[in-house]
Amino acid sequence: DIATMTPNAPEKLTIDLWDTAITFEKGHRIAVHVTS
């Protein structure tokens, strides 16, 4: 299954963050941070 990327070719990557249960409360913000 291991395969290197094709340079500069976009691919759809699915990242599983697992499960949780939480309430984002009124007045808060939901955020996503992306890095490497």
PDB file of all heavy atoms in Angstrom:
ATOM      1  N   ASP A   1       0.806  -1.219   0.000  1.00  0.00           N
ATOM      2  CA  ASP A   1       0.000   0.000   0.000  1.00  0.00           C
ATOM      3  C   ASP A   1       0.840   1.271   0.000  1.00  0.00           C
ATOM      4  O   ASP A   1       0.337   2.350  -0.337  1.00  0.00           O
ATOM      5  CB  ASP A   1      -0.923   0.029   1.230  1.00  0.00           C
ATOM      6  CG  ASP A   1      -1.913  -1.115   1.230  1.00  0.00           C
ATOM      7  OD1 ASP A   1      -2.361  -1.512   0.139  1.00  0.00           O
ATOM      8  OD2 ASP A   1      -2.234  -1.615   2.325  1.00  0.00           O
ATOM      9  N   ILE A   2       2.097   1.176   0.406  1.00  0.00           N
ATOM     10  CA  ILE A   2       2.934   2.360   0.539  1.00  0.00           C
ATOM     11  C   ILE A   2       3.233   2.939  -0.840  1.00  0.00           C
ATOM     12  O   ILE A   2       3.638   2.226  -1.762  1.00  0.00           O
ATOM     13  CB  ILE A   2       4.242   2.018   1.277  1.00  0.00           C
ATOM     14  CG1 ILE A   2       3.917   1.529   2.699  1.00  0.00           C
ATOM     15  CG2 ILE A   2       5.172   3.219   1.329  1.00  0.00           C
ATOM     16  CD1 ILE A   2       5.118   1.004   3.456  1.00  0.00           C
ATOM     17  N   ALA A   3       3.003   4.236  -0.990  1.00  0.00           N
ATOM     18  CA  ALA A   3       3.196   4.887  -2.295  1.00  0.00           C
ATOM     19  C   ALA A   3       3.601   6.335  -2.079  1.00  0.00           C
ATOM     20  O   ALA A   3       2.962   7.052  -1.307  1.00  0.00           O
ATOM     21  CB  ALA A   3       1.918   4.827  -3.130  1.00  0.00           C
ATOM     22  N   THR A   4       4.658   6.754  -2.755  1.00  0.00           N
ATOM     23  CA  THR A   4       5.073   8.144  -2.660  1.00  0.00           C
ATOM     24  C   THR A   4       4.103   9.025  -3.440  1.00  0.00           C
ATOM     25  O   THR A   4       3.316   8.545  -4.265  1.00  0.00           O
ATOM     26  CB  THR A   4       6.499   8.330  -3.211  1.00  0.00           C
ATOM     27  OG1 THR A   4       6.554   7.843  -4.558  1.00  0.00           O
ATOM     28  CG2 THR A   4       7.513   7.575  -2.356  1.00  0.00           C
ATOM     29  N   MET A   5       4.165  10.307  -3.169  1.00  0.00           N
ATOM     30  CA  MET A   5       3.299  11.261  -3.843  1.00  0.00           C
ATOM     31  C   MET A   5       3.855  11.604  -5.233  1.00  0.00           C
ATOM     32  O   MET A   5       5.064  11.534  -5.465  1.00  0.00           O
ATOM     33  CB  MET A   5       3.196  12.546  -3.012  1.00  0.00           C
ATOM     34  CG  MET A   5       2.553  12.368  -1.646  1.00  0.00           C
ATOM     35  SD  MET A   5       0.763  12.197  -1.732  1.00  0.00           S
ATOM     36  CE  MET A   5       0.286  13.934  -1.925  1.00  0.00           C
ATOM     37  N   THR A   6       2.971  11.998  -6.112  1.00  0.00           N
ATOM     38  CA  THR A   6       3.392  12.586  -7.379  1.00  0.00           C
ATOM     39  C   THR A   6       3.605  14.078  -7.124  1.00  0.00           C
ATOM     40  O   THR A   6       2.661  14.763  -6.703  1.00  0.00           O
ATOM     41  CB  THR A   6       2.329  12.398  -8.466  1.00  0.00           C
ATOM     42  OG1 THR A   6       2.098  11.005  -8.666  1.00  0.00           O
ATOM     43  CG2 THR A   6       2.769  13.036  -9.768  1.00  0.00           C
ATOM     44  N   PRO A   7       4.816  14.580  -7.317  1.00  0.00           N
ATOM     45  CA  PRO A   7       5.085  15.972  -6.970  1.00  0.00           C
ATOM     46  C   PRO A   7       4.090  16.950  -7.601  1.00  0.00           C
ATOM     47  O   PRO A   7       3.789  16.877  -8.788  1.00  0.00           O
ATOM     48  CB  PRO A   7       6.502  16.198  -7.505  1.00  0.00           C
ATOM     49  CG  PRO A   7       7.133  14.836  -7.425  1.00  0.00           C
ATOM     50  CD  PRO A   7       6.036  13.889  -7.784  1.00  0.00           C
ATOM     51  N   ASN A   8       3.542  17.823  -6.719  1.00  0.00           N
ATOM     52  CA  ASN A   8       2.633  18.915  -7.104  1.00  0.00           C
ATOM     53  C   ASN A   8       1.305  18.449  -7.670  1.00  0.00           C
ATOM     54  O   ASN A   8       0.572  19.252  -8.270  1.00  0.00           O
ATOM     55  CB  ASN A   8       3.328  19.855  -8.098  1.00  0.00           C
ATOM     56  CG  ASN A   8       4.571  20.485  -7.518  1.00  0.00           C
ATOM     57  OD1 ASN A   8       4.555  20.985  -6.395  1.00  0.00           O
ATOM     58  ND2 ASN A   8       5.677  20.452  -8.259  1.00  0.00           N
ATOM     59  N   ALA A   9       0.960  17.175  -7.478  1.00  0.00           N
ATOM     60  CA  ALA A   9      -0.336  16.664  -7.936  1.00  0.00           C
ATOM     61  C   ALA A   9      -1.303  16.611  -6.751  1.00  0.00           C
ATOM     62  O   ALA A   9      -1.068  15.865  -5.796  1.00  0.00           O
ATOM     63  CB  ALA A   9      -0.182  15.275  -8.547  1.00  0.00           C
ATOM     64  N   PRO A  10      -2.382  17.382  -6.760  1.00  0.00           N
ATOM     65  CA  PRO A  10      -3.323  17.375  -5.641  1.00  0.00           C
ATOM     66  C   PRO A  10      -3.995  16.021  -5.462  1.00  0.00           C
ATOM     67  O   PRO A  10      -4.357  15.364  -6.434  1.00  0.00           O
ATOM     68  CB  PRO A  10      -4.360  18.440  -6.034  1.00  0.00           C
ATOM     69  CG  PRO A  10      -3.682  19.276  -7.073  1.00  0.00           C
ATOM     70  CD  PRO A  10      -2.767  18.343  -7.802  1.00  0.00           C
ATOM     71  N   GLU A  11      -4.119  15.623  -4.215  1.00  0.00           N
ATOM     72  CA  GLU A  11      -4.848  14.403  -3.866  1.00  0.00           C
ATOM     73  C   GLU A  11      -5.765  14.680  -2.681  1.00  0.00           C
ATOM     74  O   GLU A  11      -5.473  15.533  -1.845  1.00  0.00           O
ATOM     75  CB  GLU A  11      -3.882  13.263  -3.505  1.00  0.00           C
ATOM     76  CG  GLU A  11      -3.079  12.716  -4.658  1.00  0.00           C
ATOM     77  CD  GLU A  11      -2.406  11.403  -4.304  1.00  0.00           C
ATOM     78  OE1 GLU A  11      -3.023  10.603  -3.545  1.00  0.00           O
ATOM     79  OE2 GLU A  11      -1.275  11.168  -4.757  1.00  0.00           O
ATOM     80  N   LYS A  12      -6.848  13.922  -2.610  1.00  0.00           N
ATOM     81  CA  LYS A  12      -7.747  14.019  -1.472  1.00  0.00           C
ATOM     82  C   LYS A  12      -7.229  13.109  -0.367  1.00  0.00           C
ATOM     83  O   LYS A  12      -7.179  11.883  -0.525  1.00  0.00           O
ATOM     84  CB  LYS A  12      -9.170  13.621  -1.878  1.00  0.00           C
ATOM     85  CG  LYS A  12     -10.193  13.739  -0.766  1.00  0.00           C
ATOM     86  CD  LYS A  12     -11.569  13.334  -1.280  1.00  0.00           C
ATOM     87  CE  LYS A  12     -12.626  13.413  -0.195  1.00  0.00           C
ATOM     88  NZ  LYS A  12     -13.958  12.999  -0.702  1.00  0.00           N
ATOM     89  N   LEU A  13      -6.841  13.704   0.754  1.00  0.00           N
ATOM     90  CA  LEU A  13      -6.296  12.970   1.884  1.00  0.00           C
ATOM     91  C   LEU A  13      -7.296  13.026   3.033  1.00  0.00           C
ATOM     92  O   LEU A  13      -7.708  14.116   3.449  1.00  0.00           O
ATOM     93  CB  LEU A  13      -4.965  13.591   2.333  1.00  0.00           C
ATOM     94  CG  LEU A  13      -3.902  13.788   1.246  1.00  0.00           C
ATOM     95  CD1 LEU A  13      -2.733  14.574   1.786  1.00  0.00           C
ATOM     96  CD2 LEU A  13      -3.447  12.445   0.690  1.00  0.00           C
ATOM     97  N   THR A  14      -7.701  11.881   3.539  1.00  0.00           N
ATOM     98  CA  THR A  14      -8.637  11.846   4.667  1.00  0.00           C
ATOM     99  C   THR A  14      -7.864  11.595   5.952  1.00  0.00           C
ATOM    100  O   THR A  14      -7.138  10.607   6.071  1.00  0.00           O
ATOM    101  CB  THR A  14      -9.698  10.755   4.465  1.00  0.00           C
ATOM    102  OG1 THR A  14     -10.464  11.060   3.280  1.00  0.00           O
ATOM    103  CG2 THR A  14     -10.646  10.706   5.657  1.00  0.00           C
ATOM    104  N   ILE A  15      -8.030  12.514   6.904  1.00  0.00           N
ATOM    105  CA  ILE A  15      -7.336  12.432   8.192  1.00  0.00           C
ATOM    106  C   ILE A  15      -8.367  12.145   9.265  1.00  0.00           C
ATOM    107  O   ILE A  15      -9.279  12.942   9.508  1.00  0.00           O
ATOM    108  CB  ILE A  15      -6.561  13.725   8.484  1.00  0.00           C
ATOM    109  CG1 ILE A  15      -5.543  13.975   7.361  1.00  0.00           C
ATOM    110  CG2 ILE A  15      -5.873  13.656   9.838  1.00  0.00           C
ATOM    111  CD1 ILE A  15      -4.803  15.279   7.487  1.00  0.00           C
ATOM    112  N   ASP A  16      -8.234  11.002   9.905  1.00  0.00           N
ATOM    113  CA  ASP A  16      -9.162  10.555  10.941  1.00  0.00           C
ATOM    114  C   ASP A  16      -8.731  11.151  12.278  1.00  0.00           C
ATOM    115  O   ASP A  16      -7.653  10.861  12.786  1.00  0.00           O
ATOM    116  CB  ASP A  16      -9.153   9.023  11.010  1.00  0.00           C
ATOM    117  CG  ASP A  16     -10.148   8.468  12.007  1.00  0.00           C
ATOM    118  OD1 ASP A  16     -10.892   9.265  12.634  1.00  0.00           O
ATOM    119  OD2 ASP A  16     -10.184   7.237  12.191  1.00  0.00           O
ATOM    120  N   LEU A  17      -9.604  11.985  12.855  1.00  0.00           N
ATOM    121  CA  LEU A  17      -9.311  12.603  14.153  1.00  0.00           C
ATOM    122  C   LEU A  17      -9.897  11.802  15.315  1.00  0.00           C
ATOM    123  O   LEU A  17      -9.809  12.250  16.454  1.00  0.00           O
ATOM    124  CB  LEU A  17      -9.853  14.042  14.177  1.00  0.00           C
ATOM    125  CG  LEU A  17      -9.129  15.012  13.246  1.00  0.00           C
ATOM    126  CD1 LEU A  17      -9.957  16.264  13.018  1.00  0.00           C
ATOM    127  CD2 LEU A  17      -7.780  15.384  13.821  1.00  0.00           C
ATOM    128  N   TRP A  18     -10.476  10.667  15.038  1.00  0.00           N
ATOM    129  CA  TRP A  18     -11.115   9.801  16.024  1.00  0.00           C
ATOM    130  C   TRP A  18     -12.406  10.439  16.538  1.00  0.00           C
ATOM    131  O   TRP A  18     -12.991  11.286  15.904  1.00  0.00           O
ATOM    132  CB  TRP A  18     -10.147   9.410  17.146  1.00  0.00           C
ATOM    133  CG  TRP A  18      -9.018   8.540  16.680  1.00  0.00           C
ATOM    134  CD1 TRP A  18      -8.572   8.408  15.382  1.00  0.00           C
ATOM    135  CD2 TRP A  18      -8.183   7.690  17.463  1.00  0.00           C
ATOM    136  NE1 TRP A  18      -7.521   7.531  15.322  1.00  0.00           N
ATOM    137  CE2 TRP A  18      -7.258   7.077  16.584  1.00  0.00           C
ATOM    138  CE3 TRP A  18      -8.115   7.387  18.819  1.00  0.00           C
ATOM    139  CZ2 TRP A  18      -6.292   6.171  17.030  1.00  0.00           C
ATOM    140  CZ3 TRP A  18      -7.155   6.493  19.271  1.00  0.00           C
ATOM    141  CH2 TRP A  18      -6.262   5.895  18.385  1.00  0.00           C
ATOM    142  N   ASP A  19     -12.868   9.972  17.700  1.00  0.00           N
ATOM    143  CA  ASP A  19     -14.179  10.362  18.224  1.00  0.00           C
ATOM    144  C   ASP A  19     -14.052  11.341  19.384  1.00  0.00           C
ATOM    145  O   ASP A  19     -13.048  11.371  20.098  1.00  0.00           O
ATOM    146  CB  ASP A  19     -14.932   9.130  18.730  1.00  0.00           C
ATOM    147  CG  ASP A  19     -15.414   8.221  17.612  1.00  0.00           C
ATOM    148  OD1 ASP A  19     -14.715   8.065  16.602  1.00  0.00           O
ATOM    149  OD2 ASP A  19     -16.503   7.660  17.764  1.00  0.00           O
ATOM    150  N   THR A  20     -15.130  12.096  19.575  1.00  0.00           N
ATOM    151  CA  THR A  20     -15.228  12.941  20.761  1.00  0.00           C
ATOM    152  C   THR A  20     -16.691  13.295  20.976  1.00  0.00           C
ATOM    153  O   THR A  20     -17.544  13.021  20.131  1.00  0.00           O
ATOM    154  CB  THR A  20     -14.387  14.226  20.619  1.00  0.00           C
ATOM    155  OG1 THR A  20     -14.259  14.853  21.903  1.00  0.00           O
ATOM    156  CG2 THR A  20     -15.019  15.212  19.652  1.00  0.00           C
ATOM    157  N   ALA A  21     -16.968  13.914  22.120  1.00  0.00           N
ATOM    158  CA  ALA A  21     -18.282  14.483  22.406  1.00  0.00           C
ATOM    159  C   ALA A  21     -18.038  15.792  23.151  1.00  0.00           C
ATOM    160  O   ALA A  21     -17.414  15.796  24.216  1.00  0.00           O
ATOM    161  CB  ALA A  21     -19.139  13.529  23.248  1.00  0.00           C
ATOM    162  N   ILE A  22     -18.484  16.889  22.564  1.00  0.00           N
ATOM    163  CA  ILE A  22     -18.222  18.199  23.142  1.00  0.00           C
ATOM    164  C   ILE A  22     -19.244  19.188  22.600  1.00  0.00           C
ATOM    165  O   ILE A  22     -19.797  18.985  21.517  1.00  0.00           O
ATOM    166  CB  ILE A  22     -16.785  18.679  22.804  1.00  0.00           C
ATOM    167  CG1 ILE A  22     -16.420  19.949  23.587  1.00  0.00           C
ATOM    168  CG2 ILE A  22     -16.618  18.892  21.308  1.00  0.00           C
ATOM    169  CD1 ILE A  22     -14.966  20.374  23.406  1.00  0.00           C
ATOM    170  N   THR A  23     -19.509  20.222  23.381  1.00  0.00           N
ATOM    171  CA  THR A  23     -20.353  21.323  22.925  1.00  0.00           C
ATOM    172  C   THR A  23     -19.493  22.560  22.730  1.00  0.00           C
ATOM    173  O   THR A  23     -18.828  23.018  23.665  1.00  0.00           O
ATOM    174  CB  THR A  23     -21.479  21.627  23.934  1.00  0.00           C
ATOM    175  OG1 THR A  23     -22.326  20.483  24.056  1.00  0.00           O
ATOM    176  CG2 THR A  23     -22.315  22.819  23.472  1.00  0.00           C
ATOM    177  N   PHE A  24     -19.483  23.069  21.493  1.00  0.00           N
ATOM    178  CA  PHE A  24     -18.871  24.369  21.225  1.00  0.00           C
ATOM    179  C   PHE A  24     -19.919  25.413  21.606  1.00  0.00           C
ATOM    180  O   PHE A  24     -20.958  25.516  20.955  1.00  0.00           O
ATOM    181  CB  PHE A  24     -18.486  24.492  19.751  1.00  0.00           C
ATOM    182  CG  PHE A  24     -17.418  23.519  19.319  1.00  0.00           C
ATOM    183  CD1 PHE A  24     -17.761  22.306  18.740  1.00  0.00           C
ATOM    184  CD2 PHE A  24     -16.071  23.811  19.500  1.00  0.00           C
ATOM    185  CE1 PHE A  24     -16.777  21.415  18.334  1.00  0.00           C
ATOM    186  CE2 PHE A  24     -15.085  22.915  19.102  1.00  0.00           C
ATOM    187  CZ  PHE A  24     -15.433  21.715  18.529  1.00  0.00           C
ATOM    188  N   GLU A  25     -19.645  26.158  22.633  1.00  0.00           N
ATOM    189  CA  GLU A  25     -20.672  27.007  23.219  1.00  0.00           C
ATOM    190  C   GLU A  25     -20.865  28.313  22.449  1.00  0.00           C
ATOM    191  O   GLU A  25     -19.969  28.791  21.746  1.00  0.00           O
ATOM    192  CB  GLU A  25     -20.316  27.320  24.674  1.00  0.00           C
ATOM    193  CG  GLU A  25     -20.272  26.088  25.563  1.00  0.00           C
ATOM    194  CD  GLU A  25     -19.916  26.416  27.000  1.00  0.00           C
ATOM    195  OE1 GLU A  25     -19.613  27.593  27.288  1.00  0.00           O
ATOM    196  OE2 GLU A  25     -19.945  25.494  27.830  1.00  0.00           O
ATOM    197  N   LYS A  26     -22.055  28.849  22.601  1.00  0.00           N
ATOM    198  CA  LYS A  26     -22.375  30.162  22.039  1.00  0.00           C
ATOM    199  C   LYS A  26     -21.315  31.169  22.464  1.00  0.00           C
ATOM    200  O   LYS A  26     -20.904  31.200  23.622  1.00  0.00           O
ATOM    201  CB  LYS A  26     -23.759  30.595  22.515  1.00  0.00           C
ATOM    202  CG  LYS A  26     -24.183  31.972  22.046  1.00  0.00           C
ATOM    203  CD  LYS A  26     -25.545  32.335  22.607  1.00  0.00           C
ATOM    204  CE  LYS A  26     -25.939  33.760  22.199  1.00  0.00           C
ATOM    205  NZ  LYS A  26     -27.275  34.139  22.735  1.00  0.00           N
ATOM    206  N   GLY A  27     -20.846  31.968  21.516  1.00  0.00           N
ATOM    207  CA  GLY A  27     -19.803  32.937  21.818  1.00  0.00           C
ATOM    208  C   GLY A  27     -18.401  32.436  21.529  1.00  0.00           C
ATOM    209  O   GLY A  27     -17.458  33.222  21.500  1.00  0.00           O
ATOM    210  N   HIS A  28     -18.249  31.114  21.322  1.00  0.00           N
ATOM    211  CA  HIS A  28     -16.963  30.517  20.956  1.00  0.00           C
ATOM    212  C   HIS A  28     -16.847  30.483  19.430  1.00  0.00           C
ATOM    213  O   HIS A  28     -17.750  30.877  18.703  1.00  0.00           O
ATOM    214  CB  HIS A  28     -16.844  29.102  21.518  1.00  0.00           C
ATOM    215  CG  HIS A  28     -16.698  29.043  23.000  1.00  0.00           C
ATOM    216  ND1 HIS A  28     -15.846  28.178  23.650  1.00  0.00           N
ATOM    217  CD2 HIS A  28     -17.302  29.752  23.996  1.00  0.00           C
ATOM    218  CE1 HIS A  28     -15.913  28.341  24.947  1.00  0.00           C
ATOM    219  NE2 HIS A  28     -16.807  29.286  25.187  1.00  0.00           N
ATOM    220  N   ARG A  29     -15.715  29.980  18.949  1.00  0.00           N
ATOM    221  CA  ARG A  29     -15.504  29.732  17.535  1.00  0.00           C
ATOM    222  C   ARG A  29     -14.995  28.294  17.374  1.00  0.00           C
ATOM    223  O   ARG A  29     -14.276  27.789  18.235  1.00  0.00           O
ATOM    224  CB  ARG A  29     -14.459  30.684  16.937  1.00  0.00           C
ATOM    225  CG  ARG A  29     -14.820  32.159  16.956  1.00  0.00           C
ATOM    226  CD  ARG A  29     -13.627  32.994  16.511  1.00  0.00           C
ATOM    227  NE  ARG A  29     -13.861  34.421  16.657  1.00  0.00           N
ATOM    228  CZ  ARG A  29     -14.218  35.234  15.656  1.00  0.00           C
ATOM    229  NH1 ARG A  29     -14.355  34.735  14.434  1.00  0.00           N
ATOM    230  NH2 ARG A  29     -14.417  36.523  15.860  1.00  0.00           N
ATOM    231  N   ILE A  30     -15.356  27.649  16.272  1.00  0.00           N
ATOM    232  CA  ILE A  30     -14.794  26.353  15.909  1.00  0.00           C
ATOM    233  C   ILE A  30     -13.634  26.616  14.961  1.00  0.00           C
ATOM    234  O   ILE A  30     -13.755  27.417  14.028  1.00  0.00           O
ATOM    235  CB  ILE A  30     -15.837  25.456  15.229  1.00  0.00           C
ATOM    236  CG1 ILE A  30     -17.055  25.250  16.150  1.00  0.00           C
ATOM    237  CG2 ILE A  30     -15.230  24.106  14.853  1.00  0.00           C
ATOM    238  CD1 ILE A  30     -18.222  24.558  15.463  1.00  0.00           C
ATOM    239  N   ALA A  31     -12.505  25.962  15.209  1.00  0.00           N
ATOM    240  CA  ALA A  31     -11.325  26.215  14.385  1.00  0.00           C
ATOM    241  C   ALA A  31     -10.682  24.915  13.935  1.00  0.00           C
ATOM    242  O   ALA A  31     -10.766  23.889  14.613  1.00  0.00           O
ATOM    243  CB  ALA A  31     -10.303  27.067  15.143  1.00  0.00           C
ATOM    244  N   VAL A  32     -10.021  24.992  12.789  1.00  0.00           N
ATOM    245  CA  VAL A  32      -9.181  23.921  12.264  1.00  0.00           C
ATOM    246  C   VAL A  32      -7.791  24.496  12.040  1.00  0.00           C
ATOM    247  O   VAL A  32      -7.653  25.558  11.424  1.00  0.00           O
ATOM    248  CB  VAL A  32      -9.730  23.360  10.940  1.00  0.00           C
ATOM    249  CG1 VAL A  32      -8.739  22.392  10.309  1.00  0.00           C
ATOM    250  CG2 VAL A  32     -11.061  22.667  11.150  1.00  0.00           C
ATOM    251  N   HIS A  33      -6.778  23.829  12.574  1.00  0.00           N
ATOM    252  CA  HIS A  33      -5.395  24.229  12.349  1.00  0.00           C
ATOM    253  C   HIS A  33      -4.726  23.182  11.465  1.00  0.00           C
ATOM    254  O   HIS A  33      -4.868  21.979  11.712  1.00  0.00           O
ATOM    255  CB  HIS A  33      -4.634  24.345  13.676  1.00  0.00           C
ATOM    256  CG  HIS A  33      -5.129  25.439  14.574  1.00  0.00           C
ATOM    257  ND1 HIS A  33      -4.537  25.731  15.776  1.00  0.00           N
ATOM    258  CD2 HIS A  33      -6.155  26.329  14.428  1.00  0.00           C
ATOM    259  CE1 HIS A  33      -5.178  26.739  16.359  1.00  0.00           C
ATOM    260  NE2 HIS A  33      -6.173  27.111  15.559  1.00  0.00           N
ATOM    261  N   VAL A  34      -4.006  23.629  10.454  1.00  0.00           N
ATOM    262  CA  VAL A  34      -3.330  22.727   9.517  1.00  0.00           C
ATOM    263  C   VAL A  34      -1.849  23.083   9.453  1.00  0.00           C
ATOM    264  O   VAL A  34      -1.499  24.253   9.281  1.00  0.00           O
ATOM    265  CB  VAL A  34      -3.942  22.824   8.100  1.00  0.00           C
ATOM    266  CG1 VAL A  34      -3.215  21.873   7.142  1.00  0.00           C
ATOM    267  CG2 VAL A  34      -5.437  22.504   8.136  1.00  0.00           C
ATOM    268  N   THR A  35      -0.999  22.078   9.587  1.00  0.00           N
ATOM    269  CA  THR A  35       0.437  22.274   9.499  1.00  0.00           C
ATOM    270  C   THR A  35       1.073  20.961   9.051  1.00  0.00           C
ATOM    271  O   THR A  35       0.363  20.054   8.610  1.00  0.00           O
ATOM    272  CB  THR A  35       1.001  22.784  10.839  1.00  0.00           C
ATOM    273  OG1 THR A  35       2.376  23.121  10.692  1.00  0.00           O
ATOM    274  CG2 THR A  35       0.821  21.761  11.947  1.00  0.00           C
ATOM    275  N   SER A  36       2.405  20.851   9.179  1.00  0.00           N
ATOM    276  CA  SER A  36       3.075  19.623   8.724  1.00  0.00           C
ATOM    277  C   SER A  36       4.013  19.037   9.759  1.00  0.00           C
ATOM    278  O   SER A  36       4.765  18.109   9.444  1.00  0.00           O
ATOM    279  CB  SER A  36       3.844  19.890   7.419  1.00  0.00           C
ATOM    280  OG  SER A  36       2.951  20.048   6.336  1.00  0.00           O
TER     281      SER A  36
END
